[in-house]
Amino acid sequence: MTYQKSDRGGDSSGILILWDIDGTLIQQYDRSTLFNRALEPWAGPEFLAAWKPVSKGLPDSQILSAGLVESGFSQDEVKTILPSACRQLGICQQQEVHLIPEQSPILPGVRSTLFSNKLGGRPIVHSLATGNTFFRSFLKVRSHDLLENLSTFLGCYGDDATDRAVMVAAGLERISLWERFNRARFTAIFIVGDSIHDIEAAGQNDLPSIGLTSSGESPEILTSHGATRVVSSAHHVLTAIESYLLEVGL
């Protein structure tokens, strides 16, 4: 399932930019180190040396759970161990909130870009497209004093689906409802992210995307997965968007 475009009507009301959080707005934390530290009391050294946790947009408690199962623990044992492992990592298991924001500083250029509300005379609205739940996203951006710069209602969140493309599609349906209610529409909607999952989700919903190399992904990889533009930091996102809009005549 992906978002199906329709004639939304209304007057063009500017540009909507949907930002990923981890690795795009704030520095991606070292999952391997932190997760291994959380599992160390229970999982053996051979497992810890071999296990490479991959998020794919999943909540951290689910990644920990999968790691324990992979290490040979039963489901009952996982239920016993997981709360302690989550506390070790600094996660509230029920709300999936990281309690160690100092490990995830804001990336360069983010704050100044989010404070920009015009592009070539057109208004910009900033929101989110993230595998985090809405509540977790809210707390993350609030803890970094970014909340006032984001229209969180117009976002795409992990509450809707674990599949990133379906998650974005659900968010776009809400955005379409907002447009109809306000008798307005966005000239263009962009997704900005640091991973191929962000880029592919944008492509599957027929949205242009800006790939960031802030988490170490190469420009070639992001481009090969469909990124419309690739930049090194948030400093250059608006310039990349303006370049694309000129290219396509918007």
C-alpha atoms as a PDB file:
ATOM      1  CA  MET A   1       0.000   0.000   0.000  1.00  0.00           C
ATOM      2  CA  THR A   2       1.290   3.439  -0.929  1.00  0.00           C
ATOM      3  CA  TYR A   3      -0.287   6.850  -1.072  1.00  0.00           C
ATOM      4  CA  GLN A   4      -2.521   7.417  -4.084  1.00  0.00           C
ATOM      5  CA  LYS A   5      -2.413  10.938  -5.454  1.00  0.00           C
ATOM      6  CA  SER A   6      -5.701  12.704  -6.038  1.00  0.00           C
ATOM      7  CA  ASP A   7      -6.879  16.110  -7.155  1.00  0.00           C
ATOM      8  CA  ARG A   8      -6.705  17.759  -3.765  1.00  0.00           C
ATOM      9  CA  GLY A   9      -7.835  21.158  -5.017  1.00  0.00           C
ATOM     10  CA  GLY A  10      -7.285  24.433  -3.210  1.00  0.00           C
ATOM     11  CA  ASP A  11      -4.622  27.064  -3.606  1.00  0.00           C
ATOM     12  CA  SER A  12      -0.965  26.136  -3.406  1.00  0.00           C
ATOM     13  CA  SER A  13       0.238  26.830   0.122  1.00  0.00           C
ATOM     14  CA  GLY A  14       3.955  26.212   0.028  1.00  0.00           C
ATOM     15  CA  ILE A  15       6.355  23.371   0.709  1.00  0.00           C
ATOM     16  CA  LEU A  16       6.060  20.575   3.280  1.00  0.00           C
ATOM     17  CA  ILE A  17       9.333  19.006   4.436  1.00  0.00           C
ATOM     18  CA  LEU A  18       9.105  15.721   6.365  1.00  0.00           C
ATOM     19  CA  TRP A  19      12.246  15.017   8.396  1.00  0.00           C
ATOM     20  CA  ASP A  20      13.521  11.742   9.773  1.00  0.00           C
ATOM     21  CA  ILE A  21      14.777  12.152  13.364  1.00  0.00           C
ATOM     22  CA  ASP A  22      17.650   9.784  14.201  1.00  0.00           C
ATOM     23  CA  GLY A  23      20.653  10.453  11.999  1.00  0.00           C
ATOM     24  CA  THR A  24      18.925  13.381  10.274  1.00  0.00           C
ATOM     25  CA  LEU A  25      17.909  15.885  12.961  1.00  0.00           C
ATOM     26  CA  ILE A  26      19.915  14.395  15.815  1.00  0.00           C
ATOM     27  CA  GLN A  27      23.049  12.294  15.743  1.00  0.00           C
ATOM     28  CA  GLN A  28      22.466   8.580  15.314  1.00  0.00           C
ATOM     29  CA  TYR A  29      23.655   6.827  18.445  1.00  0.00           C
ATOM     30  CA  ASP A  30      25.946   3.812  18.201  1.00  0.00           C
ATOM     31  CA  ARG A  31      23.383   1.020  18.435  1.00  0.00           C
ATOM     32  CA  SER A  32      25.941  -1.788  18.508  1.00  0.00           C
ATOM     33  CA  THR A  33      27.813  -0.397  21.514  1.00  0.00           C
ATOM     34  CA  LEU A  34      24.722   0.568  23.496  1.00  0.00           C
ATOM     35  CA  PHE A  35      22.776  -2.604  22.759  1.00  0.00           C
ATOM     36  CA  ASN A  36      25.734  -4.852  23.511  1.00  0.00           C
ATOM     37  CA  ARG A  37      26.149  -3.061  26.836  1.00  0.00           C
ATOM     38  CA  ALA A  38      22.483  -3.695  27.616  1.00  0.00           C
ATOM     39  CA  LEU A  39      22.669  -7.415  26.736  1.00  0.00           C
ATOM     40  CA  GLU A  40      26.114  -8.111  28.189  1.00  0.00           C
ATOM     41  CA  PRO A  41      24.875  -9.545  31.531  1.00  0.00           C
ATOM     42  CA  TRP A  42      22.913 -12.255  29.685  1.00  0.00           C
ATOM     43  CA  ALA A  43      24.317 -12.818  26.185  1.00  0.00           C
ATOM     44  CA  GLY A  44      27.710 -14.429  25.672  1.00  0.00           C
ATOM     45  CA  PRO A  45      30.759 -12.698  24.138  1.00  0.00           C
ATOM     46  CA  GLU A  46      30.539 -14.716  20.906  1.00  0.00           C
ATOM     47  CA  PHE A  47      27.008 -13.478  20.285  1.00  0.00           C
ATOM     48  CA  LEU A  48      27.897  -9.883  21.132  1.00  0.00           C
ATOM     49  CA  ALA A  49      30.845  -9.975  18.730  1.00  0.00           C
ATOM     50  CA  ALA A  50      28.690 -11.277  15.877  1.00  0.00           C
ATOM     51  CA  TRP A  51      25.397  -9.451  16.431  1.00  0.00           C
ATOM     52  CA  LYS A  52      24.904  -6.334  14.310  1.00  0.00           C
ATOM     53  CA  PRO A  53      21.590  -4.735  15.310  1.00  0.00           C
ATOM     54  CA  VAL A  54      19.708  -3.208  12.389  1.00  0.00           C
ATOM     55  CA  SER A  55      16.774  -0.980  13.227  1.00  0.00           C
ATOM     56  CA  LYS A  56      14.663  -0.924  10.025  1.00  0.00           C
ATOM     57  CA  GLY A  57      12.481   1.539  11.922  1.00  0.00           C
ATOM     58  CA  LEU A  58      11.702  -0.891  14.767  1.00  0.00           C
ATOM     59  CA  PRO A  59      11.484   0.299  18.385  1.00  0.00           C
ATOM     60  CA  ASP A  60      14.657  -0.380  20.370  1.00  0.00           C
ATOM     61  CA  SER A  61      12.934  -2.796  22.755  1.00  0.00           C
ATOM     62  CA  GLN A  62      11.934  -4.956  19.761  1.00  0.00           C
ATOM     63  CA  ILE A  63      15.525  -4.957  18.497  1.00  0.00           C
ATOM     64  CA  LEU A  64      16.738  -6.048  21.943  1.00  0.00           C
ATOM     65  CA  SER A  65      14.081  -8.754  22.072  1.00  0.00           C
ATOM     66  CA  ALA A  66      15.097 -10.083  18.653  1.00  0.00           C
ATOM     67  CA  GLY A  67      18.732 -10.121  19.759  1.00  0.00           C
ATOM     68  CA  LEU A  68      17.933 -12.198  22.827  1.00  0.00           C
ATOM     69  CA  VAL A  69      15.869 -14.685  20.805  1.00  0.00           C
ATOM     70  CA  GLU A  70      18.698 -14.928  18.270  1.00  0.00           C
ATOM     71  CA  SER A  71      21.062 -15.668  21.149  1.00  0.00           C
ATOM     72  CA  GLY A  72      18.958 -18.696  22.114  1.00  0.00           C
ATOM     73  CA  PHE A  73      16.738 -17.350  24.876  1.00  0.00           C
ATOM     74  CA  SER A  74      13.141 -18.546  25.106  1.00  0.00           C
ATOM     75  CA  GLN A  75      10.219 -16.127  24.888  1.00  0.00           C
ATOM     76  CA  ASP A  76       9.610 -16.508  28.636  1.00  0.00           C
ATOM     77  CA  GLU A  77      13.256 -15.702  29.376  1.00  0.00           C
ATOM     78  CA  VAL A  78      13.080 -12.681  27.075  1.00  0.00           C
ATOM     79  CA  LYS A  79      10.046 -11.365  28.972  1.00  0.00           C
ATOM     80  CA  THR A  80      12.058 -11.610  32.195  1.00  0.00           C
ATOM     81  CA  ILE A  81      15.272 -10.076  30.842  1.00  0.00           C
ATOM     82  CA  LEU A  82      13.878  -7.322  28.610  1.00  0.00           C
ATOM     83  CA  PRO A  83      12.776  -4.830  31.316  1.00  0.00           C
ATOM     84  CA  SER A  84      16.254  -4.890  32.899  1.00  0.00           C
ATOM     85  CA  ALA A  85      17.954  -4.617  29.503  1.00  0.00           C
ATOM     86  CA  CYS A  86      15.762  -1.635  28.624  1.00  0.00           C
ATOM     87  CA  ARG A  87      16.625   0.077  31.902  1.00  0.00           C
ATOM     88  CA  GLN A  88      20.310  -0.572  31.210  1.00  0.00           C
ATOM     89  CA  LEU A  89      19.947   1.082  27.815  1.00  0.00           C
ATOM     90  CA  GLY A  90      17.904   3.966  29.189  1.00  0.00           C
ATOM     91  CA  ILE A  91      14.592   3.102  27.552  1.00  0.00           C
ATOM     92  CA  CYS A  92      11.150   3.260  29.062  1.00  0.00           C
ATOM     93  CA  GLN A  93       9.810   0.048  27.531  1.00  0.00           C
ATOM     94  CA  GLN A  94       6.172   1.150  27.430  1.00  0.00           C
ATOM     95  CA  GLN A  95       6.821   4.550  25.859  1.00  0.00           C
ATOM     96  CA  GLU A  96      10.054   3.851  23.963  1.00  0.00           C
ATOM     97  CA  VAL A  97      11.681   7.050  25.203  1.00  0.00           C
ATOM     98  CA  HIS A  98      15.435   7.547  25.292  1.00  0.00           C
ATOM     99  CA  LEU A  99      16.423   9.096  28.583  1.00  0.00           C
ATOM    100  CA  ILE A 100      19.988   9.953  27.524  1.00  0.00           C
ATOM    101  CA  PRO A 101      19.597  12.869  25.069  1.00  0.00           C
ATOM    102  CA  GLU A 102      23.209  13.966  25.595  1.00  0.00           C
ATOM    103  CA  GLN A 103      24.224  10.946  23.507  1.00  0.00           C
ATOM    104  CA  SER A 104      22.281  12.336  20.543  1.00  0.00           C
ATOM    105  CA  PRO A 105      23.278  15.969  19.908  1.00  0.00           C
ATOM    106  CA  ILE A 106      21.531  18.031  17.248  1.00  0.00           C
ATOM    107  CA  LEU A 107      23.320  17.774  13.914  1.00  0.00           C
ATOM    108  CA  PRO A 108      24.877  20.849  12.240  1.00  0.00           C
ATOM    109  CA  GLY A 109      22.499  23.108  10.355  1.00  0.00           C
ATOM    110  CA  VAL A 110      19.321  21.566  11.745  1.00  0.00           C
ATOM    111  CA  ARG A 111      18.174  24.383  13.999  1.00  0.00           C
ATOM    112  CA  SER A 112      18.783  27.183  11.489  1.00  0.00           C
ATOM    113  CA  THR A 113      17.071  25.199   8.714  1.00  0.00           C
ATOM    114  CA  LEU A 114      14.017  24.417  10.839  1.00  0.00           C
ATOM    115  CA  PHE A 115      13.757  28.110  11.712  1.00  0.00           C
ATOM    116  CA  SER A 116      13.522  28.907   7.990  1.00  0.00           C
ATOM    117  CA  ASN A 117       9.871  29.354   7.067  1.00  0.00           C
ATOM    118  CA  LYS A 118      10.232  30.759   3.551  1.00  0.00           C
ATOM    119  CA  LEU A 119      11.793  29.462   0.350  1.00  0.00           C
ATOM    120  CA  GLY A 120      11.741  31.778  -2.637  1.00  0.00           C
ATOM    121  CA  GLY A 121       8.816  33.644  -1.111  1.00  0.00           C
ATOM    122  CA  ARG A 122       6.812  30.473  -0.498  1.00  0.00           C
ATOM    123  CA  PRO A 123       6.023  29.288   3.027  1.00  0.00           C
ATOM    124  CA  ILE A 124       7.717  26.172   4.372  1.00  0.00           C
ATOM    125  CA  VAL A 125       6.123  23.796   6.873  1.00  0.00           C
ATOM    126  CA  HIS A 126       8.418  21.353   8.678  1.00  0.00           C
ATOM    127  CA  SER A 127       7.188  18.040  10.088  1.00  0.00           C
ATOM    128  CA  LEU A 128       8.427  14.470  10.627  1.00  0.00           C
ATOM    129  CA  ALA A 129       8.636  11.123   8.818  1.00  0.00           C
ATOM    130  CA  THR A 130      10.103   8.704  11.347  1.00  0.00           C
ATOM    131  CA  GLY A 131       9.809   5.128  12.520  1.00  0.00           C
ATOM    132  CA  ASN A 132       9.496   6.468  16.067  1.00  0.00           C
ATOM    133  CA  THR A 133       6.026   6.483  17.568  1.00  0.00           C
ATOM    134  CA  PHE A 134       4.275   9.846  17.756  1.00  0.00           C
ATOM    135  CA  PHE A 135       4.788  10.046  21.526  1.00  0.00           C
ATOM    136  CA  ARG A 136       8.461   9.152  21.331  1.00  0.00           C
ATOM    137  CA  SER A 137       8.979  11.627  18.475  1.00  0.00           C
ATOM    138  CA  PHE A 138       7.266  14.357  20.493  1.00  0.00           C
ATOM    139  CA  LEU A 139       9.542  13.814  23.482  1.00  0.00           C
ATOM    140  CA  LYS A 140      12.695  13.591  21.371  1.00  0.00           C
ATOM    141  CA  VAL A 141      12.139  16.853  19.514  1.00  0.00           C
ATOM    142  CA  ARG A 142      10.932  18.575  22.688  1.00  0.00           C
ATOM    143  CA  SER A 143      14.051  17.508  24.600  1.00  0.00           C
ATOM    144  CA  HIS A 144      16.143  19.191  21.890  1.00  0.00           C
ATOM    145  CA  ASP A 145      13.992  22.354  21.827  1.00  0.00           C
ATOM    146  CA  LEU A 146      12.859  21.674  18.257  1.00  0.00           C
ATOM    147  CA  LEU A 147       9.153  21.263  18.925  1.00  0.00           C
ATOM    148  CA  GLU A 148       8.146  24.850  18.186  1.00  0.00           C
ATOM    149  CA  ASN A 149       9.633  24.548  14.690  1.00  0.00           C
ATOM    150  CA  LEU A 150       7.688  21.413  13.728  1.00  0.00           C
ATOM    151  CA  SER A 151       4.037  20.920  12.826  1.00  0.00           C
ATOM    152  CA  THR A 152       3.863  17.435  14.327  1.00  0.00           C
ATOM    153  CA  PHE A 153       0.248  16.785  13.257  1.00  0.00           C
ATOM    154  CA  LEU A 154       1.350  16.688   9.606  1.00  0.00           C
ATOM    155  CA  GLY A 155       3.853  13.887  10.216  1.00  0.00           C
ATOM    156  CA  CYS A 156       4.316  10.180   9.481  1.00  0.00           C
ATOM    157  CA  TYR A 157       4.979   7.944  12.501  1.00  0.00           C
ATOM    158  CA  GLY A 158       5.752   4.375  13.458  1.00  0.00           C
ATOM    159  CA  ASP A 159       2.346   4.030  15.154  1.00  0.00           C
ATOM    160  CA  ASP A 160       0.825   3.545  11.700  1.00  0.00           C
ATOM    161  CA  ALA A 161       2.962   0.678  10.385  1.00  0.00           C
ATOM    162  CA  THR A 162       6.332  -1.043  10.702  1.00  0.00           C
ATOM    163  CA  ASP A 163       6.725  -0.890   6.919  1.00  0.00           C
ATOM    164  CA  ARG A 164       8.182   2.536   6.146  1.00  0.00           C
ATOM    165  CA  ALA A 165       6.349   3.018   2.829  1.00  0.00           C
ATOM    166  CA  VAL A 166       2.963   2.187   4.392  1.00  0.00           C
ATOM    167  CA  MET A 167       3.780   4.471   7.318  1.00  0.00           C
ATOM    168  CA  VAL A 168       4.449   7.373   4.940  1.00  0.00           C
ATOM    169  CA  ALA A 169       1.275   6.588   2.985  1.00  0.00           C
ATOM    170  CA  ALA A 170      -0.804   6.799   6.170  1.00  0.00           C
ATOM    171  CA  GLY A 171       0.785  10.126   7.053  1.00  0.00           C
ATOM    172  CA  LEU A 172       0.077  11.475   3.584  1.00  0.00           C
ATOM    173  CA  GLU A 173      -3.583  10.578   3.975  1.00  0.00           C
ATOM    174  CA  ARG A 174      -3.719  12.754   7.108  1.00  0.00           C
ATOM    175  CA  ILE A 175      -1.968  15.544   5.246  1.00  0.00           C
ATOM    176  CA  SER A 176      -4.528  15.257   2.444  1.00  0.00           C
ATOM    177  CA  LEU A 177      -7.351  15.564   4.988  1.00  0.00           C
ATOM    178  CA  TRP A 178      -5.686  18.664   6.436  1.00  0.00           C
ATOM    179  CA  GLU A 179      -5.417  20.166   2.944  1.00  0.00           C
ATOM    180  CA  ARG A 180      -9.087  19.534   2.182  1.00  0.00           C
ATOM    181  CA  PHE A 181     -10.189  20.936   5.538  1.00  0.00           C
ATOM    182  CA  ASN A 182      -8.111  24.091   5.011  1.00  0.00           C
ATOM    183  CA  ARG A 183      -8.927  24.336   1.288  1.00  0.00           C
ATOM    184  CA  ALA A 184      -5.239  24.511   0.520  1.00  0.00           C
ATOM    185  CA  ARG A 185      -2.563  22.223  -0.830  1.00  0.00           C
ATOM    186  CA  PHE A 186       1.205  21.927  -0.722  1.00  0.00           C
ATOM    187  CA  THR A 187       3.060  22.629  -3.950  1.00  0.00           C
ATOM    188  CA  ALA A 188       5.478  19.832  -3.087  1.00  0.00           C
ATOM    189  CA  ILE A 189       6.167  17.412  -0.236  1.00  0.00           C
ATOM    190  CA  PHE A 190       9.734  16.249   0.436  1.00  0.00           C
ATOM    191  CA  ILE A 191      11.160  13.549   2.671  1.00  0.00           C
ATOM    192  CA  VAL A 192      14.590  14.201   4.191  1.00  0.00           C
ATOM    193  CA  GLY A 193      16.464  11.235   5.646  1.00  0.00           C
ATOM    194  CA  ASP A 194      19.836   9.602   6.151  1.00  0.00           C
ATOM    195  CA  SER A 195      18.992   5.994   5.240  1.00  0.00           C
ATOM    196  CA  ILE A 196      17.921   4.019   2.207  1.00  0.00           C
ATOM    197  CA  HIS A 197      14.684   3.186   4.083  1.00  0.00           C
ATOM    198  CA  ASP A 198      13.735   6.886   4.060  1.00  0.00           C
ATOM    199  CA  ILE A 199      14.617   7.249   0.385  1.00  0.00           C
ATOM    200  CA  GLU A 200      12.781   4.105  -0.712  1.00  0.00           C
ATOM    201  CA  ALA A 201       9.654   5.048   1.267  1.00  0.00           C
ATOM    202  CA  ALA A 202       9.617   8.416  -0.493  1.00  0.00           C
ATOM    203  CA  GLY A 203       9.996   6.795  -3.909  1.00  0.00           C
ATOM    204  CA  GLN A 204       7.246   4.258  -3.254  1.00  0.00           C
ATOM    205  CA  ASN A 205       4.918   7.167  -2.480  1.00  0.00           C
ATOM    206  CA  ASP A 206       6.042   9.205  -5.496  1.00  0.00           C
ATOM    207  CA  LEU A 207       7.682  11.888  -3.345  1.00  0.00           C
ATOM    208  CA  PRO A 208      11.018  13.606  -3.990  1.00  0.00           C
ATOM    209  CA  SER A 209      13.637  12.958  -1.324  1.00  0.00           C
ATOM    210  CA  ILE A 210      16.773  14.592   0.014  1.00  0.00           C
ATOM    211  CA  GLY A 211      19.372  12.097   1.216  1.00  0.00           C
ATOM    212  CA  LEU A 212      21.784  13.130   3.978  1.00  0.00           C
ATOM    213  CA  THR A 213      25.212  11.538   4.369  1.00  0.00           C
ATOM    214  CA  SER A 214      25.270  12.523   8.066  1.00  0.00           C
ATOM    215  CA  SER A 215      25.189   8.877   9.219  1.00  0.00           C
ATOM    216  CA  GLY A 216      27.888   7.676   6.859  1.00  0.00           C
ATOM    217  CA  GLU A 217      25.796   6.419   3.939  1.00  0.00           C
ATOM    218  CA  SER A 218      27.554   7.215   0.680  1.00  0.00           C
ATOM    219  CA  PRO A 219      26.048   9.589  -1.906  1.00  0.00           C
ATOM    220  CA  GLU A 220      26.248   6.772  -4.463  1.00  0.00           C
ATOM    221  CA  ILE A 221      24.159   4.409  -2.318  1.00  0.00           C
ATOM    222  CA  LEU A 222      21.515   7.038  -1.553  1.00  0.00           C
ATOM    223  CA  THR A 223      21.331   8.037  -5.217  1.00  0.00           C
ATOM    224  CA  SER A 224      21.101   4.424  -6.386  1.00  0.00           C
ATOM    225  CA  HIS A 225      18.082   3.927  -4.107  1.00  0.00           C
ATOM    226  CA  GLY A 226      16.322   6.920  -5.629  1.00  0.00           C
ATOM    227  CA  ALA A 227      17.345  10.062  -3.723  1.00  0.00           C
ATOM    228  CA  THR A 228      16.356  13.156  -5.693  1.00  0.00           C
ATOM    229  CA  ARG A 229      19.272  15.107  -4.235  1.00  0.00           C
ATOM    230  CA  VAL A 230      22.061  14.163  -1.805  1.00  0.00           C
ATOM    231  CA  VAL A 231      23.660  16.647   0.604  1.00  0.00           C
ATOM    232  CA  SER A 232      26.189  16.411   3.416  1.00  0.00           C
ATOM    233  CA  SER A 233      24.197  18.237   6.101  1.00  0.00           C
ATOM    234  CA  ALA A 234      20.957  20.034   6.894  1.00  0.00           C
ATOM    235  CA  HIS A 235      22.693  23.303   5.945  1.00  0.00           C
ATOM    236  CA  HIS A 236      22.186  22.396   2.271  1.00  0.00           C
ATOM    237  CA  VAL A 237      18.670  20.920   2.332  1.00  0.00           C
ATOM    238  CA  LEU A 238      16.775  24.065   1.340  1.00  0.00           C
ATOM    239  CA  THR A 239      19.222  24.817  -1.474  1.00  0.00           C
ATOM    240  CA  ALA A 240      18.739  21.271  -2.781  1.00  0.00           C
ATOM    241  CA  ILE A 241      14.953  21.628  -2.620  1.00  0.00           C
ATOM    242  CA  GLU A 242      15.061  24.981  -4.415  1.00  0.00           C
ATOM    243  CA  SER A 243      17.267  23.465  -7.126  1.00  0.00           C
ATOM    244  CA  TYR A 244      14.816  20.606  -7.641  1.00  0.00           C
ATOM    245  CA  LEU A 245      11.786  22.911  -7.790  1.00  0.00           C
ATOM    246  CA  LEU A 246      13.481  25.047 -10.443  1.00  0.00           C
ATOM    247  CA  GLU A 247      14.407  21.939 -12.410  1.00  0.00           C
ATOM    248  CA  VAL A 248      10.836  20.624 -12.528  1.00  0.00           C
ATOM    249  CA  GLY A 249       9.273  24.055 -13.017  1.00  0.00           C
ATOM    250  CA  LEU A 250       7.442  24.411  -9.708  1.00  0.00           C
END
